[in-house]
Structures are given as C-alpha cells and as structure tokens.
Amino acid sequence: MVRVQEIPLNQIQRPLPRANDPNKVEALMESIAAIGQQEPIDVLEVDGRYYGFSGCHRYEACQRLGKETILARVRKAPRSVLKMHLA
C-alpha cells in the first residue's frame, strides 16, 4: 500500500549518495518556490524509518530552499526489500 504524505527532510536517510546536476537543482528550486512541489519523491518505510533512493534533485532543491518537509510517496517494506536496494 502506498500513501502520499509530507515527511520531515531530516527523517529521510539517503544511503546511496548521488551527484546531482546543479542546473536541474536550480530549475527545481525556482519551480518549487513558485508553484510548490508537484511530484512526490518515493521513499521506503522500514521499521518506522524512511529511506530515499529516488527524487535526488527534488530532495536537494527542497533542502536548499530551507523546507522542513517534502511530499513523498511512502511504501512500507520489510528489511529484505531495503537490503535489495542496497545491494
């Protein structure tokens, strides 16, 4: 089951760091500042903790804008699914 909700940025762990395109982050910052976040990021909820593997540019844009929360599609998953993402 997937639900969409606002999640505090500081509660999302990003175990696979990625290099973001600074131009894309800037464009997203402008868009989010003007019209808000339109597309949620995807996170896994495992044992009450949130893990983000996609939406890297949106995540960084929201961080740089000083947002406290981010709109996310949350999917509960067992630890075995998290391990597959980390493999």
N, C-alpha and C. Protein backbone atom coordinates (compact mmCIF):
# COMPACT_ATOMS: atom_id res chain seq x y z
N MET A 1 0.84 -1.18 0.00
CA MET A 1 0.00 0.00 0.00
C MET A 1 0.89 1.25 0.00
N VAL A 2 0.56 2.18 -0.86
CA VAL A 2 1.34 3.41 -0.98
C VAL A 2 0.47 4.58 -0.53
N ARG A 3 1.06 5.47 0.26
CA ARG A 3 0.35 6.69 0.66
C ARG A 3 1.24 7.89 0.36
N VAL A 4 0.62 9.03 0.11
CA VAL A 4 1.36 10.26 -0.15
C VAL A 4 1.22 11.15 1.08
N GLN A 5 2.35 11.64 1.59
CA GLN A 5 2.33 12.48 2.78
C GLN A 5 3.57 13.37 2.82
N GLU A 6 3.50 14.38 3.66
CA GLU A 6 4.66 15.24 3.93
C GLU A 6 5.52 14.54 4.98
N ILE A 7 6.81 14.47 4.71
CA ILE A 7 7.75 13.84 5.64
C ILE A 7 8.85 14.84 5.95
N PRO A 8 9.26 14.95 7.22
CA PRO A 8 10.38 15.83 7.54
C PRO A 8 11.64 15.39 6.79
N LEU A 9 12.30 16.35 6.15
CA LEU A 9 13.53 16.04 5.40
C LEU A 9 14.57 15.36 6.28
N ASN A 10 14.65 15.78 7.53
CA ASN A 10 15.69 15.24 8.40
C ASN A 10 15.41 13.81 8.86
N GLN A 11 14.24 13.26 8.50
CA GLN A 11 13.93 11.88 8.85
C GLN A 11 14.17 10.92 7.68
N ILE A 12 14.59 11.45 6.53
CA ILE A 12 14.82 10.60 5.37
C ILE A 12 16.31 10.31 5.25
N GLN A 13 16.64 9.04 5.30
CA GLN A 13 18.03 8.62 5.12
C GLN A 13 18.25 8.36 3.63
N ARG A 14 19.37 8.82 3.12
CA ARG A 14 19.72 8.61 1.70
C ARG A 14 21.01 7.80 1.67
N PRO A 15 20.89 6.47 1.73
CA PRO A 15 22.08 5.62 1.86
C PRO A 15 22.97 5.54 0.62
N LEU A 16 22.47 5.97 -0.54
CA LEU A 16 23.27 5.93 -1.76
C LEU A 16 23.45 7.34 -2.29
N PRO A 17 24.49 8.06 -1.84
CA PRO A 17 24.68 9.44 -2.28
C PRO A 17 24.90 9.52 -3.79
N ARG A 18 24.35 10.55 -4.39
CA ARG A 18 24.48 10.74 -5.83
C ARG A 18 24.92 12.16 -6.11
N ALA A 19 25.59 12.33 -7.23
CA ALA A 19 25.97 13.67 -7.68
C ALA A 19 24.83 14.23 -8.51
N ASN A 20 24.28 15.34 -8.07
CA ASN A 20 23.16 15.96 -8.77
C ASN A 20 23.64 16.99 -9.78
N ASP A 21 22.84 17.18 -10.82
CA ASP A 21 23.10 18.21 -11.82
C ASP A 21 22.70 19.55 -11.21
N PRO A 22 23.66 20.46 -10.97
CA PRO A 22 23.34 21.73 -10.31
C PRO A 22 22.32 22.57 -11.07
N ASN A 23 22.33 22.48 -12.40
CA ASN A 23 21.35 23.25 -13.20
C ASN A 23 19.94 22.73 -12.97
N LYS A 24 19.80 21.41 -12.88
CA LYS A 24 18.49 20.82 -12.63
C LYS A 24 17.99 21.18 -11.23
N VAL A 25 18.90 21.16 -10.25
CA VAL A 25 18.52 21.53 -8.88
C VAL A 25 18.05 22.98 -8.85
N GLU A 26 18.79 23.87 -9.52
CA GLU A 26 18.40 25.29 -9.56
C GLU A 26 17.02 25.46 -10.20
N ALA A 27 16.79 24.77 -11.32
CA ALA A 27 15.49 24.86 -12.00
C ALA A 27 14.37 24.37 -11.10
N LEU A 28 14.61 23.27 -10.39
CA LEU A 28 13.60 22.75 -9.47
C LEU A 28 13.38 23.71 -8.31
N MET A 29 14.43 24.34 -7.82
CA MET A 29 14.28 25.31 -6.74
C MET A 29 13.36 26.45 -7.18
N GLU A 30 13.58 26.94 -8.39
CA GLU A 30 12.73 28.03 -8.91
C GLU A 30 11.28 27.57 -9.02
N SER A 31 11.08 26.37 -9.56
CA SER A 31 9.73 25.83 -9.75
C SER A 31 9.03 25.61 -8.40
N ILE A 32 9.74 24.96 -7.47
CA ILE A 32 9.14 24.67 -6.16
C ILE A 32 8.82 25.97 -5.42
N ALA A 33 9.71 26.95 -5.52
CA ALA A 33 9.46 28.24 -4.86
C ALA A 33 8.23 28.93 -5.46
N ALA A 34 8.03 28.78 -6.77
CA ALA A 34 6.94 29.47 -7.45
C ALA A 34 5.60 28.74 -7.32
N ILE A 35 5.61 27.41 -7.50
CA ILE A 35 4.32 26.69 -7.55
C ILE A 35 4.23 25.52 -6.59
N GLY A 36 5.28 25.29 -5.81
CA GLY A 36 5.27 24.17 -4.88
C GLY A 36 5.74 22.89 -5.55
N GLN A 37 6.00 21.90 -4.73
CA GLN A 37 6.46 20.60 -5.23
C GLN A 37 5.29 19.89 -5.90
N GLN A 38 5.43 19.55 -7.16
CA GLN A 38 4.36 18.93 -7.92
C GLN A 38 4.41 17.41 -7.91
N GLU A 39 5.59 16.86 -7.86
CA GLU A 39 5.76 15.40 -7.94
C GLU A 39 6.41 14.89 -6.66
N PRO A 40 5.75 13.96 -5.95
CA PRO A 40 6.36 13.42 -4.73
C PRO A 40 7.60 12.59 -5.04
N ILE A 41 8.51 12.51 -4.07
CA ILE A 41 9.61 11.57 -4.18
C ILE A 41 9.09 10.22 -3.67
N ASP A 42 9.83 9.16 -3.91
CA ASP A 42 9.47 7.84 -3.43
C ASP A 42 10.38 7.46 -2.27
N VAL A 43 9.77 6.99 -1.17
CA VAL A 43 10.56 6.52 -0.04
C VAL A 43 10.03 5.17 0.43
N LEU A 44 10.93 4.40 1.01
CA LEU A 44 10.55 3.15 1.67
C LEU A 44 10.47 3.42 3.16
N GLU A 45 9.46 2.89 3.79
CA GLU A 45 9.38 2.93 5.26
C GLU A 45 9.68 1.53 5.77
N VAL A 46 10.79 1.41 6.47
CA VAL A 46 11.23 0.13 7.01
C VAL A 46 11.42 0.30 8.51
N ASP A 47 10.66 -0.45 9.28
CA ASP A 47 10.75 -0.39 10.74
C ASP A 47 10.63 1.04 11.26
N GLY A 48 9.72 1.83 10.66
CA GLY A 48 9.48 3.19 11.12
C GLY A 48 10.49 4.22 10.65
N ARG A 49 11.45 3.81 9.82
CA ARG A 49 12.45 4.74 9.29
C ARG A 49 12.22 4.90 7.79
N TYR A 50 12.55 6.09 7.28
CA TYR A 50 12.35 6.40 5.87
C TYR A 50 13.67 6.38 5.12
N TYR A 51 13.65 5.73 3.95
CA TYR A 51 14.84 5.63 3.10
C TYR A 51 14.48 6.12 1.71
N GLY A 52 15.26 7.06 1.21
CA GLY A 52 15.03 7.62 -0.12
C GLY A 52 16.08 7.15 -1.10
N PHE A 53 15.63 6.68 -2.27
CA PHE A 53 16.55 6.22 -3.31
C PHE A 53 16.32 6.95 -4.63
N SER A 54 15.25 7.69 -4.74
CA SER A 54 14.98 8.45 -5.96
C SER A 54 14.60 9.87 -5.56
N GLY A 55 14.37 10.72 -6.55
CA GLY A 55 14.00 12.10 -6.25
C GLY A 55 15.13 12.92 -5.69
N CYS A 56 16.36 12.56 -6.07
CA CYS A 56 17.56 13.22 -5.51
C CYS A 56 17.57 14.73 -5.77
N HIS A 57 17.18 15.12 -6.98
CA HIS A 57 17.20 16.55 -7.33
C HIS A 57 16.11 17.30 -6.55
N ARG A 58 14.93 16.71 -6.44
CA ARG A 58 13.84 17.35 -5.68
C ARG A 58 14.22 17.44 -4.21
N TYR A 59 14.83 16.39 -3.68
CA TYR A 59 15.25 16.37 -2.28
C TYR A 59 16.25 17.51 -2.03
N GLU A 60 17.27 17.62 -2.87
CA GLU A 60 18.28 18.67 -2.69
C GLU A 60 17.66 20.06 -2.86
N ALA A 61 16.76 20.21 -3.84
CA ALA A 61 16.11 21.51 -4.06
C ALA A 61 15.34 21.93 -2.81
N CYS A 62 14.59 21.01 -2.23
CA CYS A 62 13.82 21.33 -1.02
C CYS A 62 14.75 21.65 0.14
N GLN A 63 15.84 20.92 0.26
CA GLN A 63 16.83 21.19 1.31
C GLN A 63 17.38 22.60 1.15
N ARG A 64 17.81 22.92 -0.05
CA ARG A 64 18.44 24.23 -0.29
C ARG A 64 17.45 25.38 -0.14
N LEU A 65 16.16 25.10 -0.33
CA LEU A 65 15.14 26.13 -0.12
C LEU A 65 14.80 26.30 1.36
N GLY A 66 15.36 25.44 2.20
CA GLY A 66 15.10 25.53 3.64
C GLY A 66 13.77 24.91 4.05
N LYS A 67 13.22 24.06 3.20
CA LYS A 67 11.95 23.40 3.53
C LYS A 67 12.20 22.40 4.65
N GLU A 68 11.23 22.26 5.52
CA GLU A 68 11.35 21.29 6.60
C GLU A 68 10.79 19.93 6.21
N THR A 69 9.84 19.92 5.25
CA THR A 69 9.22 18.67 4.83
C THR A 69 9.27 18.55 3.31
N ILE A 70 9.00 17.33 2.84
CA ILE A 70 8.94 17.06 1.42
C ILE A 70 7.77 16.10 1.16
N LEU A 71 7.10 16.31 0.06
CA LEU A 71 5.99 15.45 -0.32
C LEU A 71 6.56 14.13 -0.82
N ALA A 72 6.07 13.02 -0.27
CA ALA A 72 6.64 11.71 -0.61
C ALA A 72 5.55 10.65 -0.74
N ARG A 73 5.80 9.74 -1.69
CA ARG A 73 5.01 8.51 -1.79
C ARG A 73 5.70 7.51 -0.89
N VAL A 74 5.01 7.04 0.14
CA VAL A 74 5.61 6.17 1.13
C VAL A 74 5.10 4.74 0.93
N ARG A 75 6.04 3.83 0.81
CA ARG A 75 5.69 2.41 0.67
C ARG A 75 6.34 1.66 1.82
N LYS A 76 5.51 1.00 2.64
CA LYS A 76 6.06 0.18 3.72
C LYS A 76 6.69 -1.06 3.12
N ALA A 77 7.84 -1.42 3.66
CA ALA A 77 8.55 -2.57 3.13
C ALA A 77 9.31 -3.27 4.25
N PRO A 78 9.52 -4.58 4.09
CA PRO A 78 10.33 -5.30 5.07
C PRO A 78 11.82 -5.01 4.84
N ARG A 79 12.62 -5.35 5.81
CA ARG A 79 14.06 -5.12 5.74
C ARG A 79 14.67 -5.81 4.52
N SER A 80 14.10 -6.94 4.08
CA SER A 80 14.64 -7.65 2.92
C SER A 80 14.58 -6.79 1.65
N VAL A 81 13.54 -5.98 1.51
CA VAL A 81 13.43 -5.08 0.35
C VAL A 81 14.49 -3.99 0.44
N LEU A 82 14.70 -3.46 1.62
CA LEU A 82 15.74 -2.45 1.80
C LEU A 82 17.10 -3.02 1.42
N LYS A 83 17.38 -4.26 1.84
CA LYS A 83 18.66 -4.89 1.51
C LYS A 83 18.84 -5.04 0.01
N MET A 84 17.76 -5.31 -0.73
CA MET A 84 17.85 -5.41 -2.19
C MET A 84 18.25 -4.07 -2.80
N HIS A 85 17.73 -2.98 -2.25
CA HIS A 85 18.06 -1.64 -2.76
C HIS A 85 19.52 -1.29 -2.47
N LEU A 86 20.06 -1.84 -1.42
CA LEU A 86 21.43 -1.53 -1.01
C LEU A 86 22.46 -2.44 -1.68
N ALA A 87 22.01 -3.51 -2.29
CA ALA A 87 22.93 -4.49 -2.90
C ALA A 87 23.63 -3.94 -4.12
